Amino acid sequence: MNDHAPRPVARALTMELLARHDRPGPRYTSYPTAVEFNEASVTPEVYEERLKAADALGDAPLSIYVHLPFCEHRCLFCGCHVVVSPDHSRVAGYLAQVGREIDMVAERLPRRRALAQLHLGGGTPTYHAPEDLGALLDHLLAAFRPTPEAELAVEVDPRVTTAAHLDALAARGFNRVSMGVQDFTPEVQRAVARIQSAELTEALIRHARSRGFSGVNVDLIYGLPRQTTAGFERTVEQVIAMGADRAAVYSFAYVPWIRGHQKKLHEEEIPGAALKAELFALARERFLEAGYEPIGMDHFALPDDELARAKREGRLRRNFQGYTVVPAEDVIGFGISAIGDVRGAYVQNVKKLSEYAEALGAGRLPVERGIVRTADDELRRHVIHELMCNMRVEVREVEARFGIDFARYFAEDLARLAPLEGEGLAVVSAERIAATPTGELFIRNLAMCFDKYWREKYEKADKPVFSKTV
């Protein structure tokens, strides 16, 4: 049997399974998750120490994330940390501030300047004029040199991204672009306050290809207000016809207690659990029929794409930028709210523009909070990320890497996993834990069995902390 062949798709998930397992849970872009970050664990001084340890690794490549938070308009589905400002003059100094932070970190990494991954996220990075964005990138790329195979990626909103933006990015070596689509259905777009035509999106994809972008990713969201199977199916088919190399099909995180603007959505128009699961199963079926391979819990990639090759070779990873193939062990974050992962510590910058400017003006790294991982955290992080990336955990590999007896160490976790195995969501043996095809749709639930923080703090919480898993 070919372990890497696309999984079969079952559209009919039972209501009993959905009722039992569609529950709040983390997405595991990190472990411990961001709700564990605190101000006491990681201070600017702690970050200084971690950067010093990172610099000792010399030429080991880095991954860099730059958060450019500004948007001209608010999309009601958005769960990102953004600053809505139609008046560009109000935020003119931000890029210079990011440049100052780049200088401060570079000073602390005199021997470690190789860059294997650069990701511009937001917000909307192309909110900024092409010449201004280009100047920031020139500054960054003068401080950190890309390796020959470096991945330089940018998130764009087709509504505000011009050919000149893509030209400026291509001129500086950018080779991947991710475009938000969500759903092309007009009724859905009106409900979430994001009007974007398929024609506009396709034109931008064509221009990106003409400028040498080797990878195009399209983001979709299922579970949005007014979505139907027919409308979402049309959207998926349009994305396939546009020739996207990758597609991310995200579950809508309806968290109005965290994102107050989501209260403007009409809750009665949001699909229920059964329809939401069918929307994802439908998208999965269509992408697999078109030749895409499933990547992790919610991504699809053409067979010759880097993500698909990495999955086949067991090299797939996961960080705050999503699924990745980049071998960088340390991630540096620049900009407000940006999260880094440096020498065993998650490090997050302040979230307010005023506090960011104040810290930089005082010559202080703008760190607000984070967490230093324990040995137990590192072990569980590895197991959870193996599940999230490769849908399986090789028990002997974990035992050899961490020097443990898996069955003894994870006795409570395996006991929690047993009922899910009994329901056909996983296959557990002394050698391997693997999700079944149906279990892949509940991979977050399987991962939660190994999450010590979840069971100790959030499983029985009075109010939900995370979005639902399906």
Protein backbone atom coordinates (compact mmCIF):
# COMPACT_ATOMS: atom_id res chain seq x y z
CA MET A 1 0.00 0.00 0.00
CA ASN A 2 1.29 3.48 -0.87
CA ASP A 3 1.29 5.47 2.40
CA HIS A 4 1.50 8.71 0.43
CA ALA A 5 -1.45 8.20 -1.91
CA PRO A 6 -4.34 10.64 -1.42
CA ARG A 7 -6.75 9.44 1.22
CA PRO A 8 -10.22 8.32 0.20
CA VAL A 9 -12.98 10.75 1.03
CA ALA A 10 -16.16 9.97 2.90
CA ARG A 11 -18.68 12.81 2.61
CA ALA A 12 -21.12 11.29 5.05
CA LEU A 13 -19.90 12.03 8.57
CA THR A 14 -22.41 10.89 11.14
CA MET A 15 -24.21 13.40 13.34
CA GLU A 16 -23.17 11.35 16.36
CA LEU A 17 -19.47 11.84 15.56
CA LEU A 18 -19.97 15.53 14.92
CA ALA A 19 -21.95 16.06 18.10
CA ARG A 20 -19.27 14.32 20.13
CA HIS A 21 -16.13 15.79 18.58
CA ASP A 22 -16.96 19.23 17.17
CA ARG A 23 -15.66 21.09 20.18
CA PRO A 24 -13.35 24.02 20.91
CA GLY A 25 -9.68 23.14 20.50
CA PRO A 26 -6.31 24.59 19.44
CA ARG A 27 -5.00 24.71 15.86
CA TYR A 28 -1.49 23.90 17.14
CA THR A 29 0.55 26.34 15.12
CA SER A 30 2.54 26.18 18.34
CA TYR A 31 2.77 24.05 21.45
CA PRO A 32 2.31 25.33 24.08
CA THR A 33 -0.33 27.44 22.39
CA ALA A 34 -0.36 31.24 22.51
CA VAL A 35 -2.85 31.32 25.40
CA GLU A 36 0.01 30.08 27.60
CA PHE A 37 2.22 33.05 26.76
CA ASN A 38 2.77 35.41 29.67
CA GLU A 39 4.77 38.51 30.51
CA ALA A 40 6.76 36.91 33.31
CA SER A 41 8.26 34.10 31.22
CA VAL A 42 9.77 36.13 28.39
CA THR A 43 11.07 39.66 28.83
CA PRO A 44 13.39 41.69 26.60
CA GLU A 45 16.25 40.39 28.71
CA VAL A 46 15.22 36.76 28.17
CA TYR A 47 14.96 37.44 24.43
CA GLU A 48 18.49 38.89 24.49
CA GLU A 49 19.74 35.63 26.01
CA ARG A 50 17.95 33.51 23.42
CA LEU A 51 19.33 35.61 20.55
CA LYS A 52 22.82 35.15 21.95
CA ALA A 53 22.31 31.38 22.02
CA ALA A 54 20.93 31.50 18.48
CA ASP A 55 23.94 33.46 17.24
CA ALA A 56 26.25 30.73 18.52
CA LEU A 57 24.89 28.46 15.78
CA GLY A 58 26.68 30.53 13.15
CA ASP A 59 25.46 29.95 9.60
CA ALA A 60 22.37 27.90 10.53
CA PRO A 61 19.59 29.53 8.46
CA LEU A 62 16.83 31.56 10.04
CA SER A 63 13.15 31.96 9.25
CA ILE A 64 11.87 35.55 9.44
CA TYR A 65 8.31 36.76 9.76
CA VAL A 66 7.38 40.43 9.29
CA HIS A 67 3.96 41.56 10.48
CA LEU A 68 2.51 44.44 8.46
CA PRO A 69 -0.84 44.88 10.19
CA PHE A 70 -2.64 47.57 8.23
CA CYS A 71 -5.83 47.14 6.21
CA GLU A 72 -8.01 49.71 4.50
CA HIS A 73 -11.23 47.91 5.45
CA ARG A 74 -12.34 45.38 8.05
CA CYS A 75 -13.34 41.89 6.84
CA LEU A 76 -15.86 40.57 9.35
CA PHE A 77 -14.48 37.01 9.36
CA CYS A 78 -10.94 38.13 10.19
CA GLY A 79 -9.15 36.62 13.18
CA CYS A 80 -5.78 38.30 12.61
CA HIS A 81 -4.23 41.17 14.55
CA VAL A 82 -4.89 44.09 12.20
CA VAL A 83 -5.08 47.87 12.29
CA VAL A 84 -7.77 49.32 10.02
CA SER A 85 -6.74 52.72 8.67
CA PRO A 86 -8.00 54.09 5.35
CA ASP A 87 -5.76 57.12 6.00
CA HIS A 88 -2.26 55.93 5.05
CA SER A 89 -0.61 59.07 6.41
CA ARG A 90 -1.45 57.99 9.95
CA VAL A 91 0.84 54.98 9.74
CA ALA A 92 3.68 56.41 7.68
CA GLY A 93 6.31 55.83 10.38
CA TYR A 94 5.65 52.13 10.94
CA LEU A 95 7.97 50.77 8.26
CA ALA A 96 10.84 52.85 9.62
CA GLN A 97 10.15 51.41 13.07
CA VAL A 98 10.28 47.88 11.69
CA GLY A 99 13.57 48.78 10.07
CA ARG A 100 14.87 49.87 13.47
CA GLU A 101 13.84 46.56 15.02
CA ILE A 102 15.60 44.71 12.20
CA ASP A 103 18.79 46.63 13.00
CA MET A 104 18.52 45.87 16.72
CA VAL A 105 18.10 42.14 16.17
CA ALA A 106 20.81 42.02 13.49
CA GLU A 107 23.23 43.63 15.96
CA ARG A 108 22.59 40.72 18.29
CA LEU A 109 23.11 38.13 15.53
CA PRO A 110 26.47 39.20 14.08
CA ARG A 111 27.37 35.65 12.99
CA ARG A 112 23.95 34.38 12.03
CA ARG A 113 22.57 36.22 9.03
CA ALA A 114 21.55 33.41 6.65
CA LEU A 115 17.85 33.50 5.74
CA ALA A 116 16.00 30.38 4.55
CA GLN A 117 12.45 31.73 4.80
CA LEU A 118 10.93 35.20 4.74
CA HIS A 119 7.21 35.66 5.15
CA LEU A 120 5.35 38.96 4.96
CA GLY A 121 1.99 38.67 6.71
CA GLY A 122 -0.71 40.92 8.00
CA GLY A 123 -2.96 42.68 7.79
CA THR A 124 -2.28 43.43 4.18
CA PRO A 125 1.43 43.83 3.32
CA THR A 126 0.48 45.39 -0.02
CA TYR A 127 -1.40 48.12 1.84
CA HIS A 128 1.93 49.94 1.59
CA ALA A 129 3.01 51.58 -1.67
CA PRO A 130 5.35 49.42 -3.80
CA GLU A 131 8.28 51.80 -3.33
CA ASP A 132 7.82 51.91 0.46
CA LEU A 133 7.49 48.14 0.74
CA GLY A 134 10.52 47.74 -1.50
CA ALA A 135 12.61 50.05 0.68
CA LEU A 136 11.81 48.00 3.80
CA LEU A 137 12.73 44.79 1.99
CA ASP A 138 16.01 46.28 0.76
CA HIS A 139 16.82 47.16 4.35
CA LEU A 140 15.97 43.67 5.61
CA LEU A 141 17.78 41.80 2.82
CA ALA A 142 20.89 43.89 3.41
CA ALA A 143 20.93 42.66 7.01
CA PHE A 144 19.92 39.03 6.39
CA ARG A 145 21.10 37.26 3.22
CA PRO A 146 18.82 34.70 1.57
CA THR A 147 20.22 31.23 0.94
CA PRO A 148 20.14 30.04 -2.71
CA GLU A 149 16.97 28.01 -2.10
CA ALA A 150 15.27 30.51 0.21
CA GLU A 151 11.49 30.81 0.21
CA LEU A 152 10.34 34.43 0.08
CA ALA A 153 6.58 34.61 0.47
CA VAL A 154 3.95 37.31 0.81
CA GLU A 155 0.26 37.38 1.69
CA VAL A 156 -1.79 39.66 -0.55
CA ASP A 157 -5.32 40.95 -0.81
CA PRO A 158 -6.11 41.04 -4.54
CA ARG A 159 -8.40 44.03 -4.01
CA VAL A 160 -5.50 46.34 -3.11
CA THR A 161 -2.56 44.58 -4.78
CA THR A 162 -1.31 46.00 -8.07
CA ALA A 163 1.01 44.71 -10.75
CA ALA A 164 3.56 47.21 -9.43
CA HIS A 165 3.46 45.52 -6.01
CA LEU A 166 4.23 42.13 -7.52
CA ASP A 167 6.93 43.65 -9.71
CA ALA A 168 8.65 45.17 -6.66
CA LEU A 169 8.47 41.86 -4.78
CA ALA A 170 9.72 39.81 -7.75
CA ALA A 171 12.66 42.18 -8.20
CA ARG A 172 13.75 41.29 -4.67
CA GLY A 173 13.55 37.54 -5.13
CA PHE A 174 10.05 36.76 -3.88
CA ASN A 175 8.89 33.43 -5.25
CA ARG A 176 5.66 32.58 -3.41
CA VAL A 177 2.41 34.50 -3.10
CA SER A 178 -0.65 33.66 -1.03
CA MET A 179 -3.98 35.21 -1.99
CA GLY A 180 -7.02 35.43 0.19
CA VAL A 181 -10.24 34.38 -1.55
CA GLN A 182 -12.44 32.81 1.16
CA ASP A 183 -15.46 32.34 -1.16
CA PHE A 184 -16.37 33.86 -4.53
CA THR A 185 -20.12 33.58 -3.88
CA PRO A 186 -21.58 37.13 -3.89
CA GLU A 187 -24.01 36.47 -1.02
CA VAL A 188 -21.18 35.22 1.19
CA GLN A 189 -18.94 38.14 0.25
CA ARG A 190 -21.64 40.62 1.19
CA ALA A 191 -22.21 38.87 4.52
CA VAL A 192 -18.52 39.13 5.50
CA ALA A 193 -17.87 42.59 3.96
CA ARG A 194 -15.32 41.46 1.40
CA ILE A 195 -16.27 41.96 -2.25
CA GLN A 196 -13.71 40.37 -4.55
CA SER A 197 -14.29 39.01 -8.04
CA ALA A 198 -12.83 35.84 -9.48
CA GLU A 199 -11.67 37.86 -12.52
CA LEU A 200 -9.58 40.19 -10.36
CA THR A 201 -8.00 37.27 -8.53
CA GLU A 202 -7.21 35.36 -11.72
CA ALA A 203 -5.59 38.42 -13.31
CA LEU A 204 -3.28 38.80 -10.33
CA ILE A 205 -2.33 35.12 -10.49
CA ARG A 206 -1.47 35.48 -14.18
CA HIS A 207 0.74 38.48 -13.47
CA ALA A 208 2.49 36.69 -10.60
CA ARG A 209 3.28 33.80 -12.94
CA SER A 210 4.61 36.19 -15.57
CA ARG A 211 6.98 37.71 -13.00
CA GLY A 212 8.46 34.36 -11.99
CA PHE A 213 6.50 33.49 -8.86
CA SER A 214 6.92 29.72 -8.77
CA GLY A 215 4.25 29.11 -6.18
CA VAL A 216 0.70 30.45 -5.86
CA ASN A 217 -1.42 29.64 -2.82
CA VAL A 218 -5.11 30.45 -2.45
CA ASP A 219 -6.84 30.63 0.93
CA LEU A 220 -10.44 29.51 1.30
CA ILE A 221 -12.62 29.49 4.41
CA TYR A 222 -15.51 27.14 5.12
CA GLY A 223 -18.20 27.82 7.68
CA LEU A 224 -18.84 31.44 6.67
CA PRO A 225 -22.33 32.97 6.82
CA ARG A 226 -24.65 32.07 3.92
CA GLN A 227 -22.33 29.40 2.52
CA THR A 228 -23.93 26.52 0.64
CA THR A 229 -22.45 23.36 -0.81
CA ALA A 230 -23.28 24.49 -4.34
CA GLY A 231 -21.69 27.92 -3.93
CA PHE A 232 -18.56 26.63 -2.22
CA GLU A 233 -18.16 23.90 -4.81
CA ARG A 234 -18.18 26.54 -7.56
CA THR A 235 -15.50 28.48 -5.69
CA VAL A 236 -13.28 25.41 -5.34
CA GLU A 237 -13.67 24.59 -9.03
CA GLN A 238 -12.74 28.17 -9.96
CA VAL A 239 -9.59 28.00 -7.82
CA ILE A 240 -8.59 24.70 -9.43
CA ALA A 241 -9.15 26.20 -12.88
CA MET A 242 -6.87 29.13 -11.96
CA GLY A 243 -4.03 26.66 -11.47
CA ALA A 244 -3.16 27.33 -7.84
CA ASP A 245 -0.22 25.22 -6.67
CA ARG A 246 -1.58 25.07 -3.15
CA ALA A 247 -4.88 25.72 -1.46
CA ALA A 248 -5.58 26.20 2.22
CA VAL A 249 -9.14 25.42 3.29
CA TYR A 250 -9.49 26.91 6.76
CA SER A 251 -12.27 26.40 9.24
CA PHE A 252 -13.94 29.70 10.09
CA ALA A 253 -13.00 30.57 13.66
CA TYR A 254 -16.12 32.20 15.06
CA VAL A 255 -14.77 33.76 18.25
CA PRO A 256 -16.77 36.97 18.88
CA TRP A 257 -15.61 36.96 22.52
CA ILE A 258 -12.08 37.56 21.16
CA ARG A 259 -12.77 39.41 17.89
CA GLY A 260 -15.52 41.90 18.68
CA HIS A 261 -16.13 42.79 15.02
CA GLN A 262 -17.48 39.26 14.46
CA LYS A 263 -20.52 40.28 16.50
CA LYS A 264 -21.68 42.09 13.35
CA LEU A 265 -22.17 38.71 11.67
CA HIS A 266 -25.61 37.12 11.87
CA GLU A 267 -25.06 33.96 13.89
CA GLU A 268 -28.17 32.30 12.45
CA GLU A 269 -26.56 32.51 8.98
CA ILE A 270 -23.43 30.61 10.05
CA PRO A 271 -23.50 26.95 8.93
CA GLY A 272 -24.14 24.35 11.60
CA ALA A 273 -21.73 21.54 12.37
CA ALA A 274 -23.09 19.07 9.81
CA LEU A 275 -23.09 21.55 6.90
CA LYS A 276 -19.70 22.88 7.91
CA ALA A 277 -18.18 19.39 7.85
CA GLU A 278 -19.81 18.72 4.48
CA LEU A 279 -18.33 21.92 3.05
CA PHE A 280 -14.83 20.80 3.97
CA ALA A 281 -15.40 17.21 2.83
CA LEU A 282 -16.69 18.53 -0.50
CA ALA A 283 -13.65 20.79 -0.98
CA ARG A 284 -11.33 17.92 -0.05
CA GLU A 285 -13.05 15.62 -2.53
CA ARG A 286 -12.79 18.15 -5.36
CA PHE A 287 -9.11 18.93 -4.75
CA LEU A 288 -8.18 15.25 -4.58
CA GLU A 289 -10.14 14.51 -7.76
CA ALA A 290 -8.16 17.28 -9.46
CA GLY A 291 -4.85 15.64 -8.50
CA TYR A 292 -3.95 17.63 -5.40
CA GLU A 293 -2.50 15.81 -2.40
CA PRO A 294 -3.74 16.40 1.16
CA ILE A 295 -1.23 18.21 3.37
CA GLY A 296 -1.80 18.24 7.11
CA MET A 297 -5.31 19.03 8.27
CA ASP A 298 -6.42 21.71 5.81
CA HIS A 299 -3.93 22.19 2.95
CA PHE A 300 -3.76 20.71 -0.54
CA ALA A 301 -0.85 20.80 -2.96
CA LEU A 302 -0.08 19.61 -6.46
CA PRO A 303 2.19 16.54 -6.49
CA ASP A 304 5.29 18.45 -7.66
CA ASP A 305 4.85 21.23 -5.08
CA GLU A 306 7.43 21.47 -2.29
CA LEU A 307 4.87 20.68 0.42
CA ALA A 308 3.78 17.47 -1.31
CA ARG A 309 7.39 16.38 -1.81
CA ALA A 310 8.23 17.19 1.81
CA LYS A 311 5.31 15.12 3.07
CA ARG A 312 6.42 12.14 1.00
CA GLU A 313 9.93 12.49 2.39
CA GLY A 314 8.88 13.09 6.00
CA ARG A 315 10.23 16.67 6.05
CA LEU A 316 6.97 18.55 6.56
CA ARG A 317 7.00 21.07 9.40
CA ARG A 318 4.59 23.50 11.01
CA ASN A 319 5.15 26.94 12.50
CA PHE A 320 3.25 30.21 12.88
CA GLN A 321 3.40 30.70 9.11
CA GLY A 322 1.62 27.36 8.58
CA TYR A 323 2.97 24.22 6.92
CA THR A 324 6.51 24.61 5.65
CA VAL A 325 9.50 22.72 4.27
CA VAL A 326 12.12 25.16 5.51
CA PRO A 327 14.78 23.60 7.77
CA ALA A 328 15.17 26.70 9.95
CA GLU A 329 14.88 25.87 13.64
CA ASP A 330 14.67 29.48 14.80
CA VAL A 331 12.05 32.01 13.73
CA ILE A 332 12.53 35.76 14.19
CA GLY A 333 9.41 37.94 14.29
CA PHE A 334 9.40 41.65 13.40
CA GLY A 335 6.55 44.11 13.85
CA ILE A 336 3.70 44.48 16.33
CA SER A 337 2.28 41.19 17.69
CA ALA A 338 4.83 39.15 15.68
CA ILE A 339 5.78 35.83 17.25
CA GLY A 340 9.24 34.32 17.10
CA ASP A 341 10.55 30.91 18.14
CA VAL A 342 14.14 31.22 19.31
CA ARG A 343 16.17 28.55 21.10
CA GLY A 344 13.27 26.91 22.89
CA ALA A 345 11.28 30.06 23.63
CA TYR A 346 8.25 31.58 21.95
CA VAL A 347 8.63 35.37 21.90
CA GLN A 348 5.83 37.81 21.06
CA ASN A 349 6.12 41.54 20.46
CA VAL A 350 3.81 44.17 21.93
CA LYS A 351 0.49 44.58 20.14
CA LYS A 352 -0.04 48.34 20.34
CA LEU A 353 1.57 50.72 17.86
CA SER A 354 2.30 53.26 20.59
CA GLU A 355 4.08 50.71 22.79
CA TYR A 356 6.06 49.40 19.83
CA ALA A 357 7.29 52.89 18.96
CA GLU A 358 8.07 53.65 22.60
CA ALA A 359 10.19 50.52 23.08
CA LEU A 360 12.17 51.06 19.90
CA GLY A 361 12.68 54.72 20.74
CA ALA A 362 14.15 53.68 24.07
CA GLY A 363 16.50 51.18 22.39
CA ARG A 364 14.60 48.24 23.90
CA LEU A 365 13.53 45.09 22.09
CA PRO A 366 9.70 45.39 21.84
CA VAL A 367 8.95 42.05 23.49
CA GLU A 368 5.80 41.72 25.60
CA ARG A 369 5.34 38.06 26.46
CA GLY A 370 6.06 34.45 25.55
CA ILE A 371 7.00 31.14 27.13
CA VAL A 372 10.19 29.16 27.62
CA ARG A 373 9.45 25.54 26.76
CA THR A 374 10.15 22.78 29.27
CA ALA A 375 11.48 19.33 28.35
CA ASP A 376 7.91 18.01 28.54
CA ASP A 377 6.74 20.82 26.26
CA GLU A 378 9.37 19.91 23.66
CA LEU A 379 8.37 16.25 23.70
CA ARG A 380 4.66 16.92 23.39
CA ARG A 381 5.30 19.60 20.77
CA HIS A 382 7.07 17.03 18.62
CA VAL A 383 4.31 14.44 18.96
CA ILE A 384 1.52 16.95 18.28
CA HIS A 385 3.28 18.44 15.26
CA GLU A 386 3.91 14.97 13.81
CA LEU A 387 0.20 14.31 14.02
CA MET A 388 -0.72 17.69 12.57
CA CYS A 389 1.81 17.44 9.71
CA ASN A 390 2.03 13.77 8.81
CA MET A 391 -1.13 12.36 10.41
CA ARG A 392 0.94 9.81 12.30
CA VAL A 393 3.54 9.41 15.04
CA GLU A 394 6.39 6.90 14.76
CA VAL A 395 6.70 5.64 18.33
CA ARG A 396 10.25 4.27 18.12
CA GLU A 397 11.52 7.50 16.58
CA VAL A 398 10.08 9.48 19.50
CA GLU A 399 11.56 7.06 22.03
CA ALA A 400 15.01 7.31 20.44
CA ARG A 401 14.91 11.08 20.12
CA PHE A 402 13.75 11.83 23.65
CA GLY A 403 14.98 8.79 25.59
CA ILE A 404 11.57 7.72 26.92
CA ASP A 405 9.34 4.69 27.08
CA PHE A 406 6.41 5.98 24.98
CA ALA A 407 3.70 3.76 26.50
CA ARG A 408 4.74 4.61 30.05
CA TYR A 409 5.28 8.33 29.50
CA PHE A 410 2.04 8.83 27.59
CA ALA A 411 -0.12 6.36 29.52
CA GLU A 412 -2.80 8.95 30.32
CA ASP A 413 -2.68 10.35 26.79
CA LEU A 414 -3.09 6.92 25.22
CA ALA A 415 -6.02 6.24 27.52
CA ARG A 416 -7.65 9.40 26.18
CA LEU A 417 -6.90 8.29 22.64
CA ALA A 418 -8.44 4.83 23.10
CA PRO A 419 -12.11 5.91 22.72
CA LEU A 420 -11.24 7.76 19.50
CA GLU A 421 -9.54 4.62 18.22
CA GLY A 422 -12.67 2.69 19.13
CA GLU A 423 -14.73 5.06 16.99
CA GLY A 424 -12.47 4.50 13.99
CA LEU A 425 -10.60 7.81 14.10
CA ALA A 426 -7.15 6.35 14.77
CA VAL A 427 -5.13 3.15 14.58
CA VAL A 428 -2.80 2.65 17.53
CA SER A 429 -0.01 0.07 17.79
CA ALA A 430 3.28 -0.29 19.62
CA GLU A 431 5.01 1.10 16.53
CA ARG A 432 2.73 3.84 15.26
CA ILE A 433 -0.24 6.10 15.94
CA ALA A 434 -2.02 7.02 12.73
CA ALA A 435 -5.19 8.89 11.87
CA THR A 436 -7.73 7.08 9.72
CA PRO A 437 -9.27 8.87 6.70
CA THR A 438 -12.18 9.98 8.87
CA GLY A 439 -9.83 10.74 11.75
CA GLU A 440 -7.91 13.17 9.55
CA LEU A 441 -10.94 15.46 9.69
CA PHE A 442 -10.67 15.35 13.47
CA ILE A 443 -6.88 15.59 13.68
CA ARG A 444 -7.06 18.44 16.18
CA ASN A 445 -9.08 16.18 18.48
CA LEU A 446 -6.43 13.47 18.24
CA ALA A 447 -3.68 15.99 18.98
CA MET A 448 -5.61 17.29 22.00
CA CYS A 449 -5.14 13.89 23.66
CA PHE A 450 -1.44 14.76 24.06
CA ASP A 451 -2.00 18.36 25.20
CA LYS A 452 -1.30 18.57 28.91
CA TYR A 453 -2.38 22.21 29.14
CA TRP A 454 -5.69 21.45 27.47
CA ARG A 455 -6.75 18.80 29.92
CA GLU A 456 -5.50 20.67 32.98
CA LYS A 457 -6.87 24.12 32.17
CA TYR A 458 -9.35 24.29 29.28
CA GLU A 459 -11.21 21.03 28.81
CA LYS A 460 -13.76 21.93 31.46
CA ALA A 461 -13.55 25.71 31.22
CA ASP A 462 -16.82 27.62 31.64
CA LYS A 463 -16.17 29.73 28.54
CA PRO A 464 -14.56 28.58 25.25
CA VAL A 465 -10.99 29.71 24.63
CA PHE A 466 -10.51 28.20 21.16
CA SER A 467 -12.52 27.87 17.96
CA LYS A 468 -14.28 24.59 17.17
CA THR A 469 -12.27 21.77 15.65
CA VAL A 470 -14.49 21.06 12.62
